[in-house]
Amino acid sequence: MLPTNSAEEPEKQRSLKPSDPLFITQKGGPYSPNTLQEHMALMLRGWAGIEKASSHSGRRSVITNVIHKQKKSVKVAQKIAGHVNPSTTLIYEEPPEEQISDALKSL
């Protein structure tokens, strides 16, 4: 049950359901996925100064970190990402350019 202030009538109280939208527009409806992507990209670019940011940047960063910096298996990353097909997660196993350069310098 959502908390209410004392002036609110009991019939205006409502329980949240798992199907309820996480973000509500000023008009009271759910945001469209495209609008949320645009807002996220604007925040990452404007507030965090990440020029080529997208709504997927954070997700990609976490999965890549798990595989490359934490040295966890792709199977672990797959579970974290919620991918059904492991081939979807294999995309994140691609080594960063700096690792390729370092490997070539060591030859």
PDB file of N, CA and C in Angstrom:
ATOM      1  N   MET A   1       0.832  -1.168   0.000  1.00  0.00           N
ATOM      2  CA  MET A   1       0.000   0.000   0.000  1.00  0.00           C
ATOM      3  C   MET A   1       0.886   1.244   0.000  1.00  0.00           C
ATOM      4  N   LEU A   2       0.573   2.199  -0.803  1.00  0.00           N
ATOM      5  CA  LEU A   2       1.328   3.438  -0.844  1.00  0.00           C
ATOM      6  C   LEU A   2       0.992   4.279   0.382  1.00  0.00           C
ATOM      7  N   PRO A   3       1.978   4.984   0.950  1.00  0.00           N
ATOM      8  CA  PRO A   3       1.664   5.864   2.069  1.00  0.00           C
ATOM      9  C   PRO A   3       0.794   7.020   1.587  1.00  0.00           C
ATOM     10  N   THR A   4      -0.046   7.484   2.454  1.00  0.00           N
ATOM     11  CA  THR A   4      -0.924   8.600   2.109  1.00  0.00           C
ATOM     12  C   THR A   4      -0.741   9.707   3.119  1.00  0.00           C
ATOM     13  N   ASN A   5      -1.069  10.924   2.709  1.00  0.00           N
ATOM     14  CA  ASN A   5      -1.075  11.977   3.714  1.00  0.00           C
ATOM     15  C   ASN A   5      -2.486  12.034   4.290  1.00  0.00           C
ATOM     16  N   SER A   6      -2.635  12.653   5.440  1.00  0.00           N
ATOM     17  CA  SER A   6      -3.909  12.603   6.160  1.00  0.00           C
ATOM     18  C   SER A   6      -5.052  13.231   5.378  1.00  0.00           C
ATOM     19  N   ALA A   7      -4.763  14.134   4.450  1.00  0.00           N
ATOM     20  CA  ALA A   7      -5.825  14.796   3.688  1.00  0.00           C
ATOM     21  C   ALA A   7      -6.348  13.912   2.557  1.00  0.00           C
ATOM     22  N   GLU A   8      -5.617  12.865   2.211  1.00  0.00           N
ATOM     23  CA  GLU A   8      -6.021  12.019   1.094  1.00  0.00           C
ATOM     24  C   GLU A   8      -7.133  11.073   1.523  1.00  0.00           C
ATOM     25  N   GLU A   9      -8.115  10.921   0.652  1.00  0.00           N
ATOM     26  CA  GLU A   9      -9.233  10.041   0.960  1.00  0.00           C
ATOM     27  C   GLU A   9      -8.829   8.589   0.768  1.00  0.00           C
ATOM     28  N   PRO A  10      -9.348   7.670   1.592  1.00  0.00           N
ATOM     29  CA  PRO A  10      -8.968   6.259   1.498  1.00  0.00           C
ATOM     30  C   PRO A  10      -9.220   5.645   0.127  1.00  0.00           C
ATOM     31  N   GLU A  11     -10.275   6.072  -0.589  1.00  0.00           N
ATOM     32  CA  GLU A  11     -10.544   5.472  -1.889  1.00  0.00           C
ATOM     33  C   GLU A  11      -9.487   5.849  -2.935  1.00  0.00           C
ATOM     34  N   LYS A  12      -8.648   6.837  -2.654  1.00  0.00           N
ATOM     35  CA  LYS A  12      -7.594   7.215  -3.588  1.00  0.00           C
ATOM     36  C   LYS A  12      -6.322   6.408  -3.351  1.00  0.00           C
ATOM     37  N   GLN A  13      -6.269   5.654  -2.249  1.00  0.00           N
ATOM     38  CA  GLN A  13      -5.137   4.786  -1.986  1.00  0.00           C
ATOM     39  C   GLN A  13      -5.211   3.610  -2.950  1.00  0.00           C
ATOM     40  N   ARG A  14      -4.054   3.114  -3.345  1.00  0.00           N
ATOM     41  CA  ARG A  14      -4.061   1.943  -4.210  1.00  0.00           C
ATOM     42  C   ARG A  14      -2.816   1.114  -3.963  1.00  0.00           C
ATOM     43  N   SER A  15      -2.927  -0.139  -4.243  1.00  0.00           N
ATOM     44  CA  SER A  15      -1.790  -1.050  -4.108  1.00  0.00           C
ATOM     45  C   SER A  15      -1.043  -1.098  -5.433  1.00  0.00           C
ATOM     46  N   LEU A  16       0.259  -1.189  -5.337  1.00  0.00           N
ATOM     47  CA  LEU A  16       1.066  -1.333  -6.553  1.00  0.00           C
ATOM     48  C   LEU A  16       1.057  -2.785  -6.993  1.00  0.00           C
ATOM     49  N   LYS A  17       0.993  -2.980  -8.297  1.00  0.00           N
ATOM     50  CA  LYS A  17       1.039  -4.314  -8.884  1.00  0.00           C
ATOM     51  C   LYS A  17       2.335  -4.435  -9.693  1.00  0.00           C
ATOM     52  N   PRO A  18       2.845  -5.655  -9.846  1.00  0.00           N
ATOM     53  CA  PRO A  18       4.065  -5.827 -10.653  1.00  0.00           C
ATOM     54  C   PRO A  18       3.921  -5.302 -12.076  1.00  0.00           C
ATOM     55  N   SER A  19       2.708  -5.232 -12.573  1.00  0.00           N
ATOM     56  CA  SER A  19       2.495  -4.760 -13.940  1.00  0.00           C
ATOM     57  C   SER A  19       2.422  -3.231 -14.046  1.00  0.00           C
ATOM     58  N   ASP A  20       2.421  -2.523 -12.912  1.00  0.00           N
ATOM     59  CA  ASP A  20       2.364  -1.062 -12.945  1.00  0.00           C
ATOM     60  C   ASP A  20       3.647  -0.493 -13.542  1.00  0.00           C
ATOM     61  N   PRO A  21       3.552   0.632 -14.273  1.00  0.00           N
ATOM     62  CA  PRO A  21       4.761   1.238 -14.848  1.00  0.00           C
ATOM     63  C   PRO A  21       5.688   1.750 -13.754  1.00  0.00           C
ATOM     64  N   LEU A  22       6.979   1.671 -14.005  1.00  0.00           N
ATOM     65  CA  LEU A  22       7.972   2.148 -13.049  1.00  0.00           C
ATOM     66  C   LEU A  22       8.051   3.673 -13.058  1.00  0.00           C
ATOM     67  N   PHE A  23       7.926   4.263 -14.241  1.00  0.00           N
ATOM     68  CA  PHE A  23       7.972   5.712 -14.384  1.00  0.00           C
ATOM     69  C   PHE A  23       6.652   6.201 -14.966  1.00  0.00           C
ATOM     70  N   ILE A  24       6.107   7.246 -14.367  1.00  0.00           N
ATOM     71  CA  ILE A  24       4.816   7.799 -14.785  1.00  0.00           C
ATOM     72  C   ILE A  24       5.042   9.205 -15.343  1.00  0.00           C
ATOM     73  N   THR A  25       4.405   9.504 -16.469  1.00  0.00           N
ATOM     74  CA  THR A  25       4.506  10.844 -17.061  1.00  0.00           C
ATOM     75  C   THR A  25       3.696  11.839 -16.235  1.00  0.00           C
ATOM     76  N   GLN A  26       3.842  13.110 -16.562  1.00  0.00           N
ATOM     77  CA  GLN A  26       3.065  14.143 -15.873  1.00  0.00           C
ATOM     78  C   GLN A  26       1.572  13.954 -16.078  1.00  0.00           C
ATOM     79  N   LYS A  27       1.211  13.292 -17.152  1.00  0.00           N
ATOM     80  CA  LYS A  27      -0.205  13.044 -17.432  1.00  0.00           C
ATOM     81  C   LYS A  27      -0.725  11.791 -16.730  1.00  0.00           C
ATOM     82  N   GLY A  28       0.172  11.080 -16.017  1.00  0.00           N
ATOM     83  CA  GLY A  28      -0.254   9.912 -15.261  1.00  0.00           C
ATOM     84  C   GLY A  28      -0.136   8.591 -15.984  1.00  0.00           C
ATOM     85  N   GLY A  29       0.330   8.602 -17.216  1.00  0.00           N
ATOM     86  CA  GLY A  29       0.480   7.366 -17.975  1.00  0.00           C
ATOM     87  C   GLY A  29       1.921   6.891 -17.969  1.00  0.00           C
ATOM     88  N   PRO A  30       2.166   5.709 -18.527  1.00  0.00           N
ATOM     89  CA  PRO A  30       3.537   5.198 -18.583  1.00  0.00           C
ATOM     90  C   PRO A  30       4.340   5.882 -19.690  1.00  0.00           C
ATOM     91  N   TYR A  31       5.636   5.989 -19.472  1.00  0.00           N
ATOM     92  CA  TYR A  31       6.528   6.480 -20.522  1.00  0.00           C
ATOM     93  C   TYR A  31       6.660   5.415 -21.597  1.00  0.00           C
ATOM     94  N   SER A  32       6.839   5.844 -22.830  1.00  0.00           N
ATOM     95  CA  SER A  32       7.122   4.890 -23.904  1.00  0.00           C
ATOM     96  C   SER A  32       8.599   4.512 -23.803  1.00  0.00           C
ATOM     97  N   PRO A  33       8.968   3.317 -24.262  1.00  0.00           N
ATOM     98  CA  PRO A  33      10.378   2.929 -24.232  1.00  0.00           C
ATOM     99  C   PRO A  33      11.275   3.922 -24.973  1.00  0.00           C
ATOM    100  N   ASN A  34      10.815   4.451 -26.104  1.00  0.00           N
ATOM    101  CA  ASN A  34      11.635   5.410 -26.859  1.00  0.00           C
ATOM    102  C   ASN A  34      11.893   6.681 -26.066  1.00  0.00           C
ATOM    103  N   THR A  35      10.879   7.174 -25.381  1.00  0.00           N
ATOM    104  CA  THR A  35      11.041   8.391 -24.583  1.00  0.00           C
ATOM    105  C   THR A  35      12.018   8.151 -23.443  1.00  0.00           C
ATOM    106  N   LEU A  36      11.917   7.006 -22.786  1.00  0.00           N
ATOM    107  CA  LEU A  36      12.867   6.691 -21.716  1.00  0.00           C
ATOM    108  C   LEU A  36      14.293   6.603 -22.250  1.00  0.00           C
ATOM    109  N   GLN A  37      14.469   6.017 -23.427  1.00  0.00           N
ATOM    110  CA  GLN A  37      15.804   5.929 -24.028  1.00  0.00           C
ATOM    111  C   GLN A  37      16.357   7.322 -24.314  1.00  0.00           C
ATOM    112  N   GLU A  38      15.514   8.196 -24.837  1.00  0.00           N
ATOM    113  CA  GLU A  38      15.952   9.562 -25.129  1.00  0.00           C
ATOM    114  C   GLU A  38      16.354  10.296 -23.858  1.00  0.00           C
ATOM    115  N   HIS A  39      15.530  10.177 -22.811  1.00  0.00           N
ATOM    116  CA  HIS A  39      15.842  10.837 -21.539  1.00  0.00           C
ATOM    117  C   HIS A  39      17.156  10.313 -20.946  1.00  0.00           C
ATOM    118  N   MET A  40      17.350   9.010 -20.975  1.00  0.00           N
ATOM    119  CA  MET A  40      18.568   8.413 -20.424  1.00  0.00           C
ATOM    120  C   MET A  40      19.793   8.900 -21.197  1.00  0.00           C
ATOM    121  N   ALA A  41      19.710   8.913 -22.512  1.00  0.00           N
ATOM    122  CA  ALA A  41      20.840   9.382 -23.327  1.00  0.00           C
ATOM    123  C   ALA A  41      21.143  10.849 -23.042  1.00  0.00           C
ATOM    124  N   LEU A  42      20.120  11.666 -22.904  1.00  0.00           N
ATOM    125  CA  LEU A  42      20.327  13.083 -22.593  1.00  0.00           C
ATOM    126  C   LEU A  42      20.991  13.263 -21.234  1.00  0.00           C
ATOM    127  N   MET A  43      20.573  12.479 -20.251  1.00  0.00           N
ATOM    128  CA  MET A  43      21.175  12.576 -18.916  1.00  0.00           C
ATOM    129  C   MET A  43      22.643  12.151 -18.951  1.00  0.00           C
ATOM    130  N   LEU A  44      22.930  11.049 -19.624  1.00  0.00           N
ATOM    131  CA  LEU A  44      24.314  10.583 -19.681  1.00  0.00           C
ATOM    132  C   LEU A  44      25.203  11.571 -20.427  1.00  0.00           C
ATOM    133  N   ARG A  45      24.689  12.146 -21.490  1.00  0.00           N
ATOM    134  CA  ARG A  45      25.484  13.113 -22.264  1.00  0.00           C
ATOM    135  C   ARG A  45      25.615  14.436 -21.518  1.00  0.00           C
ATOM    136  N   GLY A  46      24.478  14.973 -21.069  1.00  0.00           N
ATOM    137  CA  GLY A  46      24.474  16.297 -20.444  1.00  0.00           C
ATOM    138  C   GLY A  46      25.013  16.325 -19.031  1.00  0.00           C
ATOM    139  N   TRP A  47      24.609  15.384 -18.207  1.00  0.00           N
ATOM    140  CA  TRP A  47      24.999  15.400 -16.795  1.00  0.00           C
ATOM    141  C   TRP A  47      26.328  14.708 -16.542  1.00  0.00           C
ATOM    142  N   ALA A  48      26.552  13.596 -17.226  1.00  0.00           N
ATOM    143  CA  ALA A  48      27.763  12.822 -16.970  1.00  0.00           C
ATOM    144  C   ALA A  48      28.869  13.126 -17.973  1.00  0.00           C
ATOM    145  N   GLY A  49      28.537  13.866 -19.033  1.00  0.00           N
ATOM    146  CA  GLY A  49      29.536  14.236 -20.022  1.00  0.00           C
ATOM    147  C   GLY A  49      30.019  13.080 -20.889  1.00  0.00           C
ATOM    148  N   ILE A  50      29.206  12.037 -20.991  1.00  0.00           N
ATOM    149  CA  ILE A  50      29.565  10.890 -21.820  1.00  0.00           C
ATOM    150  C   ILE A  50      28.979  11.136 -23.204  1.00  0.00           C
ATOM    151  N   GLU A  51      29.851  11.491 -24.154  1.00  0.00           N
ATOM    152  CA  GLU A  51      29.393  11.945 -25.461  1.00  0.00           C
ATOM    153  C   GLU A  51      28.619  10.913 -26.272  1.00  0.00           C
ATOM    154  N   LYS A  52      29.111   9.708 -26.333  1.00  0.00           N
ATOM    155  CA  LYS A  52      28.468   8.698 -27.173  1.00  0.00           C
ATOM    156  C   LYS A  52      27.567   7.776 -26.347  1.00  0.00           C
ATOM    157  N   ALA A  53      26.966   8.312 -25.312  1.00  0.00           N
ATOM    158  CA  ALA A  53      26.141   7.509 -24.412  1.00  0.00           C
ATOM    159  C   ALA A  53      24.800   7.162 -25.034  1.00  0.00           C
ATOM    160  N   SER A  54      24.289   6.044 -24.595  1.00  0.00           N
ATOM    161  CA  SER A  54      22.942   5.629 -24.982  1.00  0.00           C
ATOM    162  C   SER A  54      22.287   5.002 -23.759  1.00  0.00           C
ATOM    163  N   SER A  55      21.038   4.644 -23.890  1.00  0.00           N
ATOM    164  CA  SER A  55      20.346   4.004 -22.778  1.00  0.00           C
ATOM    165  C   SER A  55      20.935   2.627 -22.483  1.00  0.00           C
ATOM    166  N   HIS A  56      21.672   2.085 -23.415  1.00  0.00           N
ATOM    167  CA  HIS A  56      22.259   0.747 -23.250  1.00  0.00           C
ATOM    168  C   HIS A  56      23.672   0.816 -22.664  1.00  0.00           C
ATOM    169  N   SER A  57      24.248   2.005 -22.568  1.00  0.00           N
ATOM    170  CA  SER A  57      25.636   2.163 -22.131  1.00  0.00           C
ATOM    171  C   SER A  57      25.909   1.554 -20.761  1.00  0.00           C
ATOM    172  N   GLY A  58      25.052   1.812 -19.810  1.00  0.00           N
ATOM    173  CA  GLY A  58      25.257   1.292 -18.460  1.00  0.00           C
ATOM    174  C   GLY A  58      25.210  -0.221 -18.417  1.00  0.00           C
ATOM    175  N   ARG A  59      24.246  -0.776 -19.107  1.00  0.00           N
ATOM    176  CA  ARG A  59      24.103  -2.239 -19.161  1.00  0.00           C
ATOM    177  C   ARG A  59      25.342  -2.863 -19.805  1.00  0.00           C
ATOM    178  N   ARG A  60      25.760  -2.289 -20.904  1.00  0.00           N
ATOM    179  CA  ARG A  60      26.944  -2.794 -21.612  1.00  0.00           C
ATOM    180  C   ARG A  60      28.176  -2.695 -20.715  1.00  0.00           C
ATOM    181  N   SER A  61      28.297  -1.600 -19.988  1.00  0.00           N
ATOM    182  CA  SER A  61      29.433  -1.385 -19.105  1.00  0.00           C
ATOM    183  C   SER A  61      29.487  -2.447 -18.004  1.00  0.00           C
ATOM    184  N   VAL A  62      28.355  -2.753 -17.400  1.00  0.00           N
ATOM    185  CA  VAL A  62      28.305  -3.749 -16.331  1.00  0.00           C
ATOM    186  C   VAL A  62      28.696  -5.126 -16.862  1.00  0.00           C
ATOM    187  N   ILE A  63      28.100  -5.535 -17.974  1.00  0.00           N
ATOM    188  CA  ILE A  63      28.358  -6.871 -18.516  1.00  0.00           C
ATOM    189  C   ILE A  63      29.812  -7.000 -18.958  1.00  0.00           C
ATOM    190  N   THR A  64      30.343  -5.966 -19.598  1.00  0.00           N
ATOM    191  CA  THR A  64      31.734  -5.973 -20.041  1.00  0.00           C
ATOM    192  C   THR A  64      32.671  -6.034 -18.838  1.00  0.00           C
ATOM    193  N   ASN A  65      32.341  -5.284 -17.789  1.00  0.00           N
ATOM    194  CA  ASN A  65      33.144  -5.286 -16.566  1.00  0.00           C
ATOM    195  C   ASN A  65      33.188  -6.683 -15.945  1.00  0.00           C
ATOM    196  N   VAL A  66      32.047  -7.347 -15.887  1.00  0.00           N
ATOM    197  CA  VAL A  66      31.981  -8.692 -15.305  1.00  0.00           C
ATOM    198  C   VAL A  66      32.902  -9.648 -16.069  1.00  0.00           C
ATOM    199  N   ILE A  67      32.895  -9.554 -17.388  1.00  0.00           N
ATOM    200  CA  ILE A  67      33.694 -10.478 -18.206  1.00  0.00           C
ATOM    201  C   ILE A  67      35.174 -10.110 -18.201  1.00  0.00           C
ATOM    202  N   HIS A  68      35.504  -8.835 -18.434  1.00  0.00           N
ATOM    203  CA  HIS A  68      36.899  -8.447 -18.640  1.00  0.00           C
ATOM    204  C   HIS A  68      37.642  -8.045 -17.375  1.00  0.00           C
ATOM    205  N   LYS A  69      37.019  -7.303 -16.489  1.00  0.00           N
ATOM    206  CA  LYS A  69      37.728  -6.842 -15.288  1.00  0.00           C
ATOM    207  C   LYS A  69      37.590  -7.808 -14.127  1.00  0.00           C
ATOM    208  N   GLN A  70      36.406  -8.377 -13.960  1.00  0.00           N
ATOM    209  CA  GLN A  70      36.208  -9.340 -12.867  1.00  0.00           C
ATOM    210  C   GLN A  70      36.609 -10.756 -13.276  1.00  0.00           C
ATOM    211  N   LYS A  71      36.859 -10.946 -14.570  1.00  0.00           N
ATOM    212  CA  LYS A  71      37.288 -12.245 -15.120  1.00  0.00           C
ATOM    213  C   LYS A  71      36.294 -13.370 -14.819  1.00  0.00           C
ATOM    214  N   LYS A  72      34.998 -13.031 -14.825  1.00  0.00           N
ATOM    215  CA  LYS A  72      33.951 -14.038 -14.632  1.00  0.00           C
ATOM    216  C   LYS A  72      33.620 -14.668 -15.982  1.00  0.00           C
ATOM    217  N   SER A  73      33.012 -15.817 -15.936  1.00  0.00           N
ATOM    218  CA  SER A  73      32.666 -16.521 -17.178  1.00  0.00           C
ATOM    219  C   SER A  73      31.520 -15.822 -17.902  1.00  0.00           C
ATOM    220  N   VAL A  74      31.418 -16.117 -19.175  1.00  0.00           N
ATOM    221  CA  VAL A  74      30.318 -15.579 -19.974  1.00  0.00           C
ATOM    222  C   VAL A  74      28.990 -16.094 -19.415  1.00  0.00           C
ATOM    223  N   LYS A  75      29.001 -17.286 -18.855  1.00  0.00           N
ATOM    224  CA  LYS A  75      27.792 -17.869 -18.270  1.00  0.00           C
ATOM    225  C   LYS A  75      27.309 -17.011 -17.090  1.00  0.00           C
ATOM    226  N   VAL A  76      28.234 -16.519 -16.270  1.00  0.00           N
ATOM    227  CA  VAL A  76      27.874 -15.633 -15.155  1.00  0.00           C
ATOM    228  C   VAL A  76      27.290 -14.336 -15.711  1.00  0.00           C
ATOM    229  N   ALA A  77      27.955 -13.771 -16.705  1.00  0.00           N
ATOM    230  CA  ALA A  77      27.462 -12.532 -17.323  1.00  0.00           C
ATOM    231  C   ALA A  77      26.090 -12.743 -17.954  1.00  0.00           C
ATOM    232  N   GLN A  78      25.881 -13.907 -18.548  1.00  0.00           N
ATOM    233  CA  GLN A  78      24.594 -14.232 -19.165  1.00  0.00           C
ATOM    234  C   GLN A  78      23.483 -14.213 -18.124  1.00  0.00           C
ATOM    235  N   LYS A  79      23.753 -14.790 -16.957  1.00  0.00           N
ATOM    236  CA  LYS A  79      22.750 -14.814 -15.877  1.00  0.00           C
ATOM    237  C   LYS A  79      22.454 -13.398 -15.388  1.00  0.00           C
ATOM    238  N   ILE A  80      23.494 -12.597 -15.231  1.00  0.00           N
ATOM    239  CA  ILE A  80      23.303 -11.213 -14.774  1.00  0.00           C
ATOM    240  C   ILE A  80      22.480 -10.424 -15.790  1.00  0.00           C
ATOM    241  N   ALA A  81      22.784 -10.614 -17.065  1.00  0.00           N
ATOM    242  CA  ALA A  81      22.101  -9.871 -18.128  1.00  0.00           C
ATOM    243  C   ALA A  81      20.687 -10.380 -18.378  1.00  0.00           C
ATOM    244  N   GLY A  82      20.427 -11.615 -17.975  1.00  0.00           N
ATOM    245  CA  GLY A  82      19.111 -12.181 -18.230  1.00  0.00           C
ATOM    246  C   GLY A  82      18.931 -12.666 -19.657  1.00  0.00           C
ATOM    247  N   HIS A  83      20.045 -12.915 -20.336  1.00  0.00           N
ATOM    248  CA  HIS A  83      19.969 -13.420 -21.705  1.00  0.00           C
ATOM    249  C   HIS A  83      19.601 -14.896 -21.703  1.00  0.00           C
ATOM    250  N   VAL A  84      18.667 -15.268 -22.536  1.00  0.00           N
ATOM    251  CA  VAL A  84      18.282 -16.674 -22.664  1.00  0.00           C
ATOM    252  C   VAL A  84      19.322 -17.419 -23.502  1.00  0.00           C
ATOM    253  N   ASN A  85      19.761 -16.780 -24.569  1.00  0.00           N
ATOM    254  CA  ASN A  85      20.697 -17.394 -25.498  1.00  0.00           C
ATOM    255  C   ASN A  85      22.122 -16.921 -25.186  1.00  0.00           C
ATOM    256  N   PRO A  86      23.060 -17.844 -24.919  1.00  0.00           N
ATOM    257  CA  PRO A  86      24.431 -17.428 -24.608  1.00  0.00           C
ATOM    258  C   PRO A  86      25.102 -16.654 -25.736  1.00  0.00           C
ATOM    259  N   SER A  87      24.682 -16.872 -26.967  1.00  0.00           N
ATOM    260  CA  SER A  87      25.319 -16.146 -28.076  1.00  0.00           C
ATOM    261  C   SER A  87      25.059 -14.638 -27.982  1.00  0.00           C
ATOM    262  N   THR A  88      23.973 -14.248 -27.330  1.00  0.00           N
ATOM    263  CA  THR A  88      23.704 -12.818 -27.118  1.00  0.00           C
ATOM    264  C   THR A  88      24.761 -12.220 -26.209  1.00  0.00           C
ATOM    265  N   THR A  89      25.173 -12.967 -25.196  1.00  0.00           N
ATOM    266  CA  THR A  89      26.166 -12.479 -24.234  1.00  0.00           C
ATOM    267  C   THR A  89      27.568 -12.497 -24.820  1.00  0.00           C
ATOM    268  N   LEU A  90      27.837 -13.400 -25.753  1.00  0.00           N
ATOM    269  CA  LEU A  90      29.176 -13.507 -26.345  1.00  0.00           C
ATOM    270  C   LEU A  90      29.614 -12.216 -27.029  1.00  0.00           C
ATOM    271  N   ILE A  91      28.669 -11.405 -27.429  1.00  0.00           N
ATOM    272  CA  ILE A  91      28.991 -10.113 -28.052  1.00  0.00           C
ATOM    273  C   ILE A  91      29.853  -9.275 -27.102  1.00  0.00           C
ATOM    274  N   TYR A  92      29.588  -9.383 -25.793  1.00  0.00           N
ATOM    275  CA  TYR A  92      30.303  -8.589 -24.791  1.00  0.00           C
ATOM    276  C   TYR A  92      31.678  -9.151 -24.476  1.00  0.00           C
ATOM    277  N   GLU A  93      31.976 -10.349 -24.962  1.00  0.00           N
ATOM    278  CA  GLU A  93      33.277 -10.958 -24.717  1.00  0.00           C
ATOM    279  C   GLU A  93      34.349 -10.377 -25.631  1.00  0.00           C
ATOM    280  N   GLU A  94      33.932  -9.661 -26.659  1.00  0.00           N
ATOM    281  CA  GLU A  94      34.874  -9.023 -27.586  1.00  0.00           C
ATOM    282  C   GLU A  94      35.856  -8.178 -26.775  1.00  0.00           C
ATOM    283  N   PRO A  95      37.155  -8.434 -26.926  1.00  0.00           N
ATOM    284  CA  PRO A  95      38.114  -7.685 -26.109  1.00  0.00           C
ATOM    285  C   PRO A  95      38.186  -6.215 -26.507  1.00  0.00           C
ATOM    286  N   PRO A  96      38.379  -5.359 -25.520  1.00  0.00           N
ATOM    287  CA  PRO A  96      38.554  -3.927 -25.817  1.00  0.00           C
ATOM    288  C   PRO A  96      39.821  -3.701 -26.640  1.00  0.00           C
ATOM    289  N   GLU A  97      39.835  -2.648 -27.430  1.00  0.00           N
ATOM    290  CA  GLU A  97      40.981  -2.333 -28.297  1.00  0.00           C
ATOM    291  C   GLU A  97      42.278  -2.234 -27.499  1.00  0.00           C
ATOM    292  N   GLU A  98      42.227  -1.686 -26.297  1.00  0.00           N
ATOM    293  CA  GLU A  98      43.442  -1.528 -25.492  1.00  0.00           C
ATOM    294  C   GLU A  98      44.062  -2.888 -25.149  1.00  0.00           C
ATOM    295  N   GLN A  99      43.242  -3.919 -24.920  1.00  0.00           N
ATOM    296  CA  GLN A  99      43.772  -5.251 -24.635  1.00  0.00           C
ATOM    297  C   GLN A  99      44.428  -5.845 -25.876  1.00  0.00           C
ATOM    298  N   ILE A 100      43.851  -5.598 -27.021  1.00  0.00           N
ATOM    299  CA  ILE A 100      44.439  -6.087 -28.274  1.00  0.00           C
ATOM    300  C   ILE A 100      45.790  -5.416 -28.506  1.00  0.00           C
ATOM    301  N   SER A 101      45.832  -4.099 -28.308  1.00  0.00           N
ATOM    302  CA  SER A 101      47.089  -3.338 -28.484  1.00  0.00           C
ATOM    303  C   SER A 101      48.145  -3.833 -27.513  1.00  0.00           C
ATOM    304  N   ASP A 102      47.769  -4.041 -26.257  1.00  0.00           N
ATOM    305  CA  ASP A 102      48.717  -4.524 -25.250  1.00  0.00           C
ATOM    306  C   ASP A 102      49.277  -5.895 -25.629  1.00  0.00           C
ATOM    307  N   ALA A 103      48.409  -6.764 -26.136  1.00  0.00           N
ATOM    308  CA  ALA A 103      48.851  -8.099 -26.522  1.00  0.00           C
ATOM    309  C   ALA A 103      49.844  -8.022 -27.680  1.00  0.00           C
ATOM    310  N   LEU A 104      49.613  -7.122 -28.627  1.00  0.00           N
ATOM    311  CA  LEU A 104      50.514  -6.987 -29.775  1.00  0.00           C
ATOM    312  C   LEU A 104      51.861  -6.376 -29.358  1.00  0.00           C
ATOM    313  N   LYS A 105      51.839  -5.472 -28.384  1.00  0.00           N
ATOM    314  CA  LYS A 105      53.081  -4.851 -27.908  1.00  0.00           C
ATOM    315  C   LYS A 105      53.983  -5.864 -27.206  1.00  0.00           C
ATOM    316  N   SER A 106      53.358  -6.884 -26.635  1.00  0.00           N
ATOM    317  CA  SER A 106      54.106  -7.900 -25.883  1.00  0.00           C
ATOM    318  C   SER A 106      54.797  -8.917 -26.771  1.00  0.00           C
ATOM    319  N   LEU A 107      54.519  -8.872 -28.063  1.00  0.00           N
ATOM    320  CA  LEU A 107      55.116  -9.864 -28.973  1.00  0.00           C
ATOM    321  C   LEU A 107      56.595  -9.638 -29.191  1.00  0.00           C
TER     322      LEU A 107
END
